[in-house]
Amino acid sequence: MATEVEETIKRIQAHKGVMGVIIVNHEGIPIKSSLDNATSVLYSGLIGQLTEKAKNVVREMDSTNELTFLRVRSRRHEILIAPDREFILIVIQNTSD
């Protein structure tokens, strides 16, 4: 399974504009990343909090619904967030490409 994860990260990383890929466990700790440790920890903590807030908003609006994907875009970056039960996949892209 570790090989599958590595291959998936490589495949995502190969897309134009992708700056980094982070996989975060349910405790908010980065377990796999293509970025340096400090950046991975920063993104993991902040995105983890944002994801929890977004999940709560979706549940408040409709208790039978759940958050499956979140996209945050700024002038410089786009952050793609795919939360799962045990992990959160974070992809950071450069928007200027």
PDB file of N, CA and C in Angstrom:
ATOM      1  N   MET A   1       0.814  -1.202   0.000  1.00  0.00           N
ATOM      2  CA  MET A   1       0.000   0.000   0.000  1.00  0.00           C
ATOM      3  C   MET A   1       0.855   1.263   0.000  1.00  0.00           C
ATOM      4  N   ALA A   2       1.992   1.226   0.666  1.00  0.00           N
ATOM      5  CA  ALA A   2       2.880   2.387   0.696  1.00  0.00           C
ATOM      6  C   ALA A   2       3.323   2.758  -0.710  1.00  0.00           C
ATOM      7  N   THR A   3       3.529   1.749  -1.550  1.00  0.00           N
ATOM      8  CA  THR A   3       3.925   1.997  -2.936  1.00  0.00           C
ATOM      9  C   THR A   3       2.806   2.713  -3.685  1.00  0.00           C
ATOM     10  N   GLU A   4       1.565   2.321  -3.445  1.00  0.00           N
ATOM     11  CA  GLU A   4       0.427   2.973  -4.089  1.00  0.00           C
ATOM     12  C   GLU A   4       0.343   4.440  -3.688  1.00  0.00           C
ATOM     13  N   VAL A   5       0.574   4.719  -2.413  1.00  0.00           N
ATOM     14  CA  VAL A   5       0.541   6.097  -1.927  1.00  0.00           C
ATOM     15  C   VAL A   5       1.641   6.910  -2.598  1.00  0.00           C
ATOM     16  N   GLU A   6       2.841   6.351  -2.662  1.00  0.00           N
ATOM     17  CA  GLU A   6       3.964   7.040  -3.309  1.00  0.00           C
ATOM     18  C   GLU A   6       3.664   7.330  -4.776  1.00  0.00           C
ATOM     19  N   GLU A   7       3.103   6.351  -5.465  1.00  0.00           N
ATOM     20  CA  GLU A   7       2.771   6.518  -6.880  1.00  0.00           C
ATOM     21  C   GLU A   7       1.696   7.591  -7.069  1.00  0.00           C
ATOM     22  N   THR A   8       0.714   7.604  -6.184  1.00  0.00           N
ATOM     23  CA  THR A   8      -0.347   8.605  -6.263  1.00  0.00           C
ATOM     24  C   THR A   8       0.217  10.005  -6.044  1.00  0.00           C
ATOM     25  N   ILE A   9       1.081  10.156  -5.050  1.00  0.00           N
ATOM     26  CA  ILE A   9       1.710  11.461  -4.791  1.00  0.00           C
ATOM     27  C   ILE A   9       2.527  11.896  -5.997  1.00  0.00           C
ATOM     28  N   LYS A  10       3.297  10.997  -6.573  1.00  0.00           N
ATOM     29  CA  LYS A  10       4.102  11.323  -7.757  1.00  0.00           C
ATOM     30  C   LYS A  10       3.217  11.744  -8.922  1.00  0.00           C
ATOM     31  N   ARG A  11       2.101  11.035  -9.105  1.00  0.00           N
ATOM     32  CA  ARG A  11       1.193  11.351 -10.208  1.00  0.00           C
ATOM     33  C   ARG A  11       0.568  12.739 -10.011  1.00  0.00           C
ATOM     34  N   ILE A  12       0.154  13.046  -8.797  1.00  0.00           N
ATOM     35  CA  ILE A  12      -0.410  14.368  -8.514  1.00  0.00           C
ATOM     36  C   ILE A  12       0.658  15.437  -8.679  1.00  0.00           C
ATOM     37  N   GLN A  13       1.844  15.176  -8.151  1.00  0.00           N
ATOM     38  CA  GLN A  13       2.949  16.131  -8.197  1.00  0.00           C
ATOM     39  C   GLN A  13       3.348  16.453  -9.639  1.00  0.00           C
ATOM     40  N   ALA A  14       3.117  15.524 -10.565  1.00  0.00           N
ATOM     41  CA  ALA A  14       3.508  15.715 -11.961  1.00  0.00           C
ATOM     42  C   ALA A  14       2.608  16.704 -12.702  1.00  0.00           C
ATOM     43  N   HIS A  15       1.449  17.025 -12.143  1.00  0.00           N
ATOM     44  CA  HIS A  15       0.555  17.971 -12.797  1.00  0.00           C
ATOM     45  C   HIS A  15       1.152  19.376 -12.775  1.00  0.00           C
ATOM     46  N   LYS A  16       0.900  20.109 -13.829  1.00  0.00           N
ATOM     47  CA  LYS A  16       1.420  21.467 -13.965  1.00  0.00           C
ATOM     48  C   LYS A  16       0.913  22.352 -12.827  1.00  0.00           C
ATOM     49  N   GLY A  17       1.815  23.077 -12.206  1.00  0.00           N
ATOM     50  CA  GLY A  17       1.460  24.028 -11.158  1.00  0.00           C
ATOM     51  C   GLY A  17       1.417  23.469  -9.749  1.00  0.00           C
ATOM     52  N   VAL A  18       1.500  22.149  -9.590  1.00  0.00           N
ATOM     53  CA  VAL A  18       1.436  21.575  -8.240  1.00  0.00           C
ATOM     54  C   VAL A  18       2.742  21.860  -7.508  1.00  0.00           C
ATOM     55  N   MET A  19       2.605  22.508  -6.365  1.00  0.00           N
ATOM     56  CA  MET A  19       3.770  22.863  -5.553  1.00  0.00           C
ATOM     57  C   MET A  19       4.057  21.813  -4.488  1.00  0.00           C
ATOM     58  N   GLY A  20       2.997  21.138  -4.017  1.00  0.00           N
ATOM     59  CA  GLY A  20       3.205  20.157  -2.974  1.00  0.00           C
ATOM     60  C   GLY A  20       1.959  19.356  -2.660  1.00  0.00           C
ATOM     61  N   VAL A  21       2.185  18.190  -2.078  1.00  0.00           N
ATOM     62  CA  VAL A  21       1.116  17.287  -1.668  1.00  0.00           C
ATOM     63  C   VAL A  21       1.392  16.881  -0.220  1.00  0.00           C
ATOM     64  N   ILE A  22       0.354  16.953   0.615  1.00  0.00           N
ATOM     65  CA  ILE A  22       0.491  16.576   2.019  1.00  0.00           C
ATOM     66  C   ILE A  22      -0.644  15.623   2.374  1.00  0.00           C
ATOM     67  N   ILE A  23      -0.317  14.554   3.074  1.00  0.00           N
ATOM     68  CA  ILE A  23      -1.333  13.667   3.629  1.00  0.00           C
ATOM     69  C   ILE A  23      -1.254  13.809   5.146  1.00  0.00           C
ATOM     70  N   VAL A  24      -2.407  14.145   5.737  1.00  0.00           N
ATOM     71  CA  VAL A  24      -2.491  14.444   7.167  1.00  0.00           C
ATOM     72  C   VAL A  24      -3.372  13.397   7.842  1.00  0.00           C
ATOM     73  N   ASN A  25      -2.951  12.900   9.013  1.00  0.00           N
ATOM     74  CA  ASN A  25      -3.793  11.942   9.728  1.00  0.00           C
ATOM     75  C   ASN A  25      -4.914  12.674  10.471  1.00  0.00           C
ATOM     76  N   HIS A  26      -5.793  11.920  11.122  1.00  0.00           N
ATOM     77  CA  HIS A  26      -6.951  12.518  11.791  1.00  0.00           C
ATOM     78  C   HIS A  26      -6.574  13.387  12.992  1.00  0.00           C
ATOM     79  N   GLU A  27      -5.330  13.299  13.423  1.00  0.00           N
ATOM     80  CA  GLU A  27      -4.860  14.138  14.535  1.00  0.00           C
ATOM     81  C   GLU A  27      -4.225  15.436  14.041  1.00  0.00           C
ATOM     82  N   GLY A  28      -4.173  15.633  12.716  1.00  0.00           N
ATOM     83  CA  GLY A  28      -3.601  16.850  12.153  1.00  0.00           C
ATOM     84  C   GLY A  28      -2.102  16.794  11.948  1.00  0.00           C
ATOM     85  N   ILE A  29      -1.536  15.603  12.011  1.00  0.00           N
ATOM     86  CA  ILE A  29      -0.087  15.436  11.858  1.00  0.00           C
ATOM     87  C   ILE A  29       0.217  14.994  10.429  1.00  0.00           C
ATOM     88  N   PRO A  30       1.122  15.710   9.743  1.00  0.00           N
ATOM     89  CA  PRO A  30       1.472  15.291   8.382  1.00  0.00           C
ATOM     90  C   PRO A  30       2.235  13.965   8.410  1.00  0.00           C
ATOM     91  N   ILE A  31       1.723  12.974   7.687  1.00  0.00           N
ATOM     92  CA  ILE A  31       2.377  11.666   7.670  1.00  0.00           C
ATOM     93  C   ILE A  31       3.129  11.416   6.376  1.00  0.00           C
ATOM     94  N   LYS A  32       2.805  12.181   5.347  1.00  0.00           N
ATOM     95  CA  LYS A  32       3.504  12.068   4.067  1.00  0.00           C
ATOM     96  C   LYS A  32       3.437  13.427   3.406  1.00  0.00           C
ATOM     97  N   SER A  33       4.560  13.901   2.882  1.00  0.00           N
ATOM     98  CA  SER A  33       4.566  15.219   2.265  1.00  0.00           C
ATOM     99  C   SER A  33       5.694  15.340   1.261  1.00  0.00           C
ATOM    100  N   SER A  34       5.442  16.133   0.243  1.00  0.00           N
ATOM    101  CA  SER A  34       6.494  16.448  -0.722  1.00  0.00           C
ATOM    102  C   SER A  34       7.108  17.816  -0.421  1.00  0.00           C
ATOM    103  N   LEU A  35       6.665  18.440   0.673  1.00  0.00           N
ATOM    104  CA  LEU A  35       7.185  19.748   1.093  1.00  0.00           C
ATOM    105  C   LEU A  35       8.106  19.580   2.296  1.00  0.00           C
ATOM    106  N   ASP A  36       8.793  20.652   2.653  1.00  0.00           N
ATOM    107  CA  ASP A  36       9.649  20.595   3.836  1.00  0.00           C
ATOM    108  C   ASP A  36       8.790  20.483   5.092  1.00  0.00           C
ATOM    109  N   ASN A  37       9.390  20.050   6.185  1.00  0.00           N
ATOM    110  CA  ASN A  37       8.663  19.756   7.412  1.00  0.00           C
ATOM    111  C   ASN A  37       7.925  20.970   7.971  1.00  0.00           C
ATOM    112  N   ALA A  38       8.573  22.123   8.025  1.00  0.00           N
ATOM    113  CA  ALA A  38       7.949  23.314   8.607  1.00  0.00           C
ATOM    114  C   ALA A  38       6.706  23.725   7.815  1.00  0.00           C
ATOM    115  N   THR A  39       6.797  23.706   6.504  1.00  0.00           N
ATOM    116  CA  THR A  39       5.662  24.068   5.654  1.00  0.00           C
ATOM    117  C   THR A  39       4.545  23.039   5.802  1.00  0.00           C
ATOM    118  N   SER A  40       4.914  21.778   5.852  1.00  0.00           N
ATOM    119  CA  SER A  40       3.920  20.702   6.005  1.00  0.00           C
ATOM    120  C   SER A  40       3.158  20.843   7.313  1.00  0.00           C
ATOM    121  N   VAL A  41       3.862  21.119   8.401  1.00  0.00           N
ATOM    122  CA  VAL A  41       3.229  21.279   9.713  1.00  0.00           C
ATOM    123  C   VAL A  41       2.310  22.505   9.711  1.00  0.00           C
ATOM    124  N   LEU A  42       2.758  23.596   9.105  1.00  0.00           N
ATOM    125  CA  LEU A  42       1.950  24.815   9.042  1.00  0.00           C
ATOM    126  C   LEU A  42       0.645  24.561   8.294  1.00  0.00           C
ATOM    127  N   TYR A  43       0.748  24.036   7.086  1.00  0.00           N
ATOM    128  CA  TYR A  43      -0.442  23.760   6.285  1.00  0.00           C
ATOM    129  C   TYR A  43      -1.352  22.745   6.976  1.00  0.00           C
ATOM    130  N   SER A  44      -0.770  21.706   7.536  1.00  0.00           N
ATOM    131  CA  SER A  44      -1.564  20.653   8.185  1.00  0.00           C
ATOM    132  C   SER A  44      -2.410  21.210   9.321  1.00  0.00           C
ATOM    133  N   GLY A  45      -1.808  22.012  10.156  1.00  0.00           N
ATOM    134  CA  GLY A  45      -2.533  22.591  11.285  1.00  0.00           C
ATOM    135  C   GLY A  45      -3.644  23.522  10.849  1.00  0.00           C
ATOM    136  N   LEU A  46      -3.328  24.424   9.941  1.00  0.00           N
ATOM    137  CA  LEU A  46      -4.325  25.408   9.507  1.00  0.00           C
ATOM    138  C   LEU A  46      -5.426  24.778   8.659  1.00  0.00           C
ATOM    139  N   ILE A  47      -5.050  23.921   7.743  1.00  0.00           N
ATOM    140  CA  ILE A  47      -6.047  23.275   6.881  1.00  0.00           C
ATOM    141  C   ILE A  47      -6.914  22.311   7.686  1.00  0.00           C
ATOM    142  N   GLY A  48      -6.325  21.654   8.678  1.00  0.00           N
ATOM    143  CA  GLY A  48      -7.107  20.773   9.545  1.00  0.00           C
ATOM    144  C   GLY A  48      -8.220  21.534  10.249  1.00  0.00           C
ATOM    145  N   GLN A  49      -7.886  22.713  10.771  1.00  0.00           N
ATOM    146  CA  GLN A  49      -8.885  23.550  11.447  1.00  0.00           C
ATOM    147  C   GLN A  49      -9.964  24.016  10.475  1.00  0.00           C
ATOM    148  N   LEU A  50      -9.535  24.460   9.298  1.00  0.00           N
ATOM    149  CA  LEU A  50     -10.480  24.928   8.283  1.00  0.00           C
ATOM    150  C   LEU A  50     -11.415  23.799   7.844  1.00  0.00           C
ATOM    151  N   THR A  51     -10.870  22.613   7.679  1.00  0.00           N
ATOM    152  CA  THR A  51     -11.668  21.465   7.257  1.00  0.00           C
ATOM    153  C   THR A  51     -12.720  21.113   8.302  1.00  0.00           C
ATOM    154  N   GLU A  52     -12.334  21.135   9.566  1.00  0.00           N
ATOM    155  CA  GLU A  52     -13.301  20.841  10.631  1.00  0.00           C
ATOM    156  C   GLU A  52     -14.436  21.867  10.644  1.00  0.00           C
ATOM    157  N   LYS A  53     -14.082  23.146  10.476  1.00  0.00           N
ATOM    158  CA  LYS A  53     -15.114  24.198  10.432  1.00  0.00           C
ATOM    159  C   LYS A  53     -16.045  23.970   9.246  1.00  0.00           C
ATOM    160  N   ALA A  54     -15.477  23.665   8.078  1.00  0.00           N
ATOM    161  CA  ALA A  54     -16.283  23.447   6.878  1.00  0.00           C
ATOM    162  C   ALA A  54     -17.196  22.229   7.047  1.00  0.00           C
ATOM    163  N   LYS A  55     -16.685  21.153   7.671  1.00  0.00           N
ATOM    164  CA  LYS A  55     -17.512  19.967   7.931  1.00  0.00           C
ATOM    165  C   LYS A  55     -18.704  20.334   8.810  1.00  0.00           C
ATOM    166  N   ASN A  56     -18.447  21.139   9.841  1.00  0.00           N
ATOM    167  CA  ASN A  56     -19.519  21.551  10.750  1.00  0.00           C
ATOM    168  C   ASN A  56     -20.567  22.402  10.040  1.00  0.00           C
ATOM    169  N   VAL A  57     -20.122  23.291   9.156  1.00  0.00           N
ATOM    170  CA  VAL A  57     -21.051  24.130   8.395  1.00  0.00           C
ATOM    171  C   VAL A  57     -21.949  23.262   7.523  1.00  0.00           C
ATOM    172  N   VAL A  58     -21.360  22.307   6.822  1.00  0.00           N
ATOM    173  CA  VAL A  58     -22.141  21.424   5.948  1.00  0.00           C
ATOM    174  C   VAL A  58     -23.150  20.621   6.772  1.00  0.00           C
ATOM    175  N   ARG A  59     -22.726  20.105   7.923  1.00  0.00           N
ATOM    176  CA  ARG A  59     -23.628  19.341   8.795  1.00  0.00           C
ATOM    177  C   ARG A  59     -24.764  20.212   9.353  1.00  0.00           C
ATOM    178  N   GLU A  60     -24.436  21.464   9.691  1.00  0.00           N
ATOM    179  CA  GLU A  60     -25.461  22.383  10.211  1.00  0.00           C
ATOM    180  C   GLU A  60     -26.514  22.684   9.155  1.00  0.00           C
ATOM    181  N   MET A  61     -26.089  22.811   7.913  1.00  0.00           N
ATOM    182  CA  MET A  61     -27.024  23.119   6.834  1.00  0.00           C
ATOM    183  C   MET A  61     -27.895  21.917   6.490  1.00  0.00           C
ATOM    184  N   ASP A  62     -27.335  20.716   6.579  1.00  0.00           N
ATOM    185  CA  ASP A  62     -28.073  19.492   6.265  1.00  0.00           C
ATOM    186  C   ASP A  62     -27.405  18.334   6.998  1.00  0.00           C
ATOM    187  N   SER A  63     -28.060  17.841   8.022  1.00  0.00           N
ATOM    188  CA  SER A  63     -27.446  16.815   8.870  1.00  0.00           C
ATOM    189  C   SER A  63     -27.216  15.491   8.148  1.00  0.00           C
ATOM    190  N   THR A  64     -27.819  15.308   6.986  1.00  0.00           N
ATOM    191  CA  THR A  64     -27.615  14.067   6.227  1.00  0.00           C
ATOM    192  C   THR A  64     -26.479  14.200   5.215  1.00  0.00           C
ATOM    193  N   ASN A  65     -25.879  15.360   5.137  1.00  0.00           N
ATOM    194  CA  ASN A  65     -24.835  15.635   4.151  1.00  0.00           C
ATOM    195  C   ASN A  65     -23.460  15.634   4.817  1.00  0.00           C
ATOM    196  N   GLU A  66     -22.410  15.503   4.005  1.00  0.00           N
ATOM    197  CA  GLU A  66     -21.054  15.583   4.541  1.00  0.00           C
ATOM    198  C   GLU A  66     -20.122  16.237   3.531  1.00  0.00           C
ATOM    199  N   LEU A  67     -19.073  16.859   4.040  1.00  0.00           N
ATOM    200  CA  LEU A  67     -18.077  17.520   3.203  1.00  0.00           C
ATOM    201  C   LEU A  67     -17.234  16.471   2.493  1.00  0.00           C
ATOM    202  N   THR A  68     -17.097  16.594   1.174  1.00  0.00           N
ATOM    203  CA  THR A  68     -16.280  15.646   0.417  1.00  0.00           C
ATOM    204  C   THR A  68     -15.083  16.306  -0.245  1.00  0.00           C
ATOM    205  N   PHE A  69     -15.156  17.620  -0.477  1.00  0.00           N
ATOM    206  CA  PHE A  69     -14.050  18.312  -1.143  1.00  0.00           C
ATOM    207  C   PHE A  69     -14.156  19.795  -0.844  1.00  0.00           C
ATOM    208  N   LEU A  70     -13.007  20.442  -0.711  1.00  0.00           N
ATOM    209  CA  LEU A  70     -12.967  21.869  -0.424  1.00  0.00           C
ATOM    210  C   LEU A  70     -11.855  22.495  -1.250  1.00  0.00           C
ATOM    211  N   ARG A  71     -12.157  23.618  -1.890  1.00  0.00           N
ATOM    212  CA  ARG A  71     -11.159  24.316  -2.707  1.00  0.00           C
ATOM    213  C   ARG A  71     -11.043  25.747  -2.203  1.00  0.00           C
ATOM    214  N   VAL A  72      -9.816  26.168  -1.910  1.00  0.00           N
ATOM    215  CA  VAL A  72      -9.558  27.526  -1.442  1.00  0.00           C
ATOM    216  C   VAL A  72      -8.589  28.157  -2.429  1.00  0.00           C
ATOM    217  N   ARG A  73      -8.990  29.298  -2.990  1.00  0.00           N
ATOM    218  CA  ARG A  73      -8.153  29.942  -3.994  1.00  0.00           C
ATOM    219  C   ARG A  73      -7.826  31.361  -3.555  1.00  0.00           C
ATOM    220  N   SER A  74      -6.550  31.710  -3.663  1.00  0.00           N
ATOM    221  CA  SER A  74      -6.108  33.077  -3.397  1.00  0.00           C
ATOM    222  C   SER A  74      -5.423  33.588  -4.672  1.00  0.00           C
ATOM    223  N   ARG A  75      -4.854  34.739  -4.616  1.00  0.00           N
ATOM    224  CA  ARG A  75      -4.172  35.276  -5.807  1.00  0.00           C
ATOM    225  C   ARG A  75      -2.983  34.426  -6.232  1.00  0.00           C
ATOM    226  N   ARG A  76      -2.289  33.856  -5.255  1.00  0.00           N
ATOM    227  CA  ARG A  76      -1.054  33.127  -5.559  1.00  0.00           C
ATOM    228  C   ARG A  76      -1.191  31.615  -5.554  1.00  0.00           C
ATOM    229  N   HIS A  77      -2.099  31.087  -4.727  1.00  0.00           N
ATOM    230  CA  HIS A  77      -2.196  29.640  -4.571  1.00  0.00           C
ATOM    231  C   HIS A  77      -3.634  29.151  -4.602  1.00  0.00           C
ATOM    232  N   GLU A  78      -3.761  27.894  -4.914  1.00  0.00           N
ATOM    233  CA  GLU A  78      -5.035  27.207  -4.799  1.00  0.00           C
ATOM    234  C   GLU A  78      -4.764  25.964  -3.957  1.00  0.00           C
ATOM    235  N   ILE A  79      -5.588  25.757  -2.942  1.00  0.00           N
ATOM    236  CA  ILE A  79      -5.412  24.610  -2.053  1.00  0.00           C
ATOM    237  C   ILE A  79      -6.618  23.702  -2.237  1.00  0.00           C
ATOM    238  N   LEU A  80      -6.354  22.471  -2.627  1.00  0.00           N
ATOM    239  CA  LEU A  80      -7.394  21.471  -2.832  1.00  0.00           C
ATOM    240  C   LEU A  80      -7.371  20.523  -1.640  1.00  0.00           C
ATOM    241  N   ILE A  81      -8.511  20.344  -1.007  1.00  0.00           N
ATOM    242  CA  ILE A  81      -8.584  19.576   0.233  1.00  0.00           C
ATOM    243  C   ILE A  81      -9.617  18.464   0.064  1.00  0.00           C
ATOM    244  N   ALA A  82      -9.171  17.236   0.256  1.00  0.00           N
ATOM    245  CA  ALA A  82     -10.065  16.079   0.162  1.00  0.00           C
ATOM    246  C   ALA A  82     -10.048  15.343   1.505  1.00  0.00           C
ATOM    247  N   PRO A  83     -11.008  15.652   2.375  1.00  0.00           N
ATOM    248  CA  PRO A  83     -11.049  14.977   3.678  1.00  0.00           C
ATOM    249  C   PRO A  83     -11.642  13.578   3.563  1.00  0.00           C
ATOM    250  N   ASP A  84     -11.126  12.675   4.367  1.00  0.00           N
ATOM    251  CA  ASP A  84     -11.630  11.312   4.441  1.00  0.00           C
ATOM    252  C   ASP A  84     -11.803  10.990   5.924  1.00  0.00           C
ATOM    253  N   ARG A  85     -12.228   9.802   6.261  1.00  0.00           N
ATOM    254  CA  ARG A  85     -12.420   9.457   7.672  1.00  0.00           C
ATOM    255  C   ARG A  85     -11.117   9.481   8.456  1.00  0.00           C
ATOM    256  N   GLU A  86     -10.060   8.959   7.875  1.00  0.00           N
ATOM    257  CA  GLU A  86      -8.801   8.840   8.600  1.00  0.00           C
ATOM    258  C   GLU A  86      -7.739   9.843   8.175  1.00  0.00           C
ATOM    259  N   PHE A  87      -7.859  10.386   6.968  1.00  0.00           N
ATOM    260  CA  PHE A  87      -6.816  11.251   6.420  1.00  0.00           C
ATOM    261  C   PHE A  87      -7.417  12.460   5.720  1.00  0.00           C
ATOM    262  N   ILE A  88      -6.555  13.459   5.515  1.00  0.00           N
ATOM    263  CA  ILE A  88      -6.900  14.608   4.679  1.00  0.00           C
ATOM    264  C   ILE A  88      -5.803  14.717   3.633  1.00  0.00           C
ATOM    265  N   LEU A  89      -6.207  14.776   2.368  1.00  0.00           N
ATOM    266  CA  LEU A  89      -5.265  14.993   1.274  1.00  0.00           C
ATOM    267  C   LEU A  89      -5.282  16.477   0.941  1.00  0.00           C
ATOM    268  N   ILE A  90      -4.111  17.097   0.952  1.00  0.00           N
ATOM    269  CA  ILE A  90      -3.972  18.519   0.644  1.00  0.00           C
ATOM    270  C   ILE A  90      -3.057  18.653  -0.558  1.00  0.00           C
ATOM    271  N   VAL A  91      -3.519  19.377  -1.571  1.00  0.00           N
ATOM    272  CA  VAL A  91      -2.687  19.655  -2.745  1.00  0.00           C
ATOM    273  C   VAL A  91      -2.595  21.163  -2.883  1.00  0.00           C
ATOM    274  N   ILE A  92      -1.372  21.693  -2.965  1.00  0.00           N
ATOM    275  CA  ILE A  92      -1.145  23.122  -3.106  1.00  0.00           C
ATOM    276  C   ILE A  92      -0.675  23.377  -4.527  1.00  0.00           C
ATOM    277  N   GLN A  93      -1.382  24.276  -5.214  1.00  0.00           N
ATOM    278  CA  GLN A  93      -1.047  24.602  -6.594  1.00  0.00           C
ATOM    279  C   GLN A  93      -0.719  26.086  -6.706  1.00  0.00           C
ATOM    280  N   ASN A  94       0.109  26.392  -7.671  1.00  0.00           N
ATOM    281  CA  ASN A  94       0.434  27.767  -8.006  1.00  0.00           C
ATOM    282  C   ASN A  94      -0.604  28.229  -9.019  1.00  0.00           C
ATOM    283  N   THR A  95      -1.290  29.336  -8.764  1.00  0.00           N
ATOM    284  CA  THR A  95      -2.346  29.793  -9.674  1.00  0.00           C
ATOM    285  C   THR A  95      -1.813  30.586 -10.856  1.00  0.00           C
ATOM    286  N   SER A  96      -0.565  30.980 -10.832  1.00  0.00           N
ATOM    287  CA  SER A  96      -0.044  31.791 -11.923  1.00  0.00           C
ATOM    288  C   SER A  96       0.378  30.968 -13.132  1.00  0.00           C
ATOM    289  N   ASP A  97       0.344  29.638 -13.005  1.00  0.00           N
ATOM    290  CA  ASP A  97       0.709  28.786 -14.149  1.00  0.00           C
ATOM    291  C   ASP A  97      -0.445  28.630 -15.105  1.00  0.00           C
TER     292      ASP A  97
END
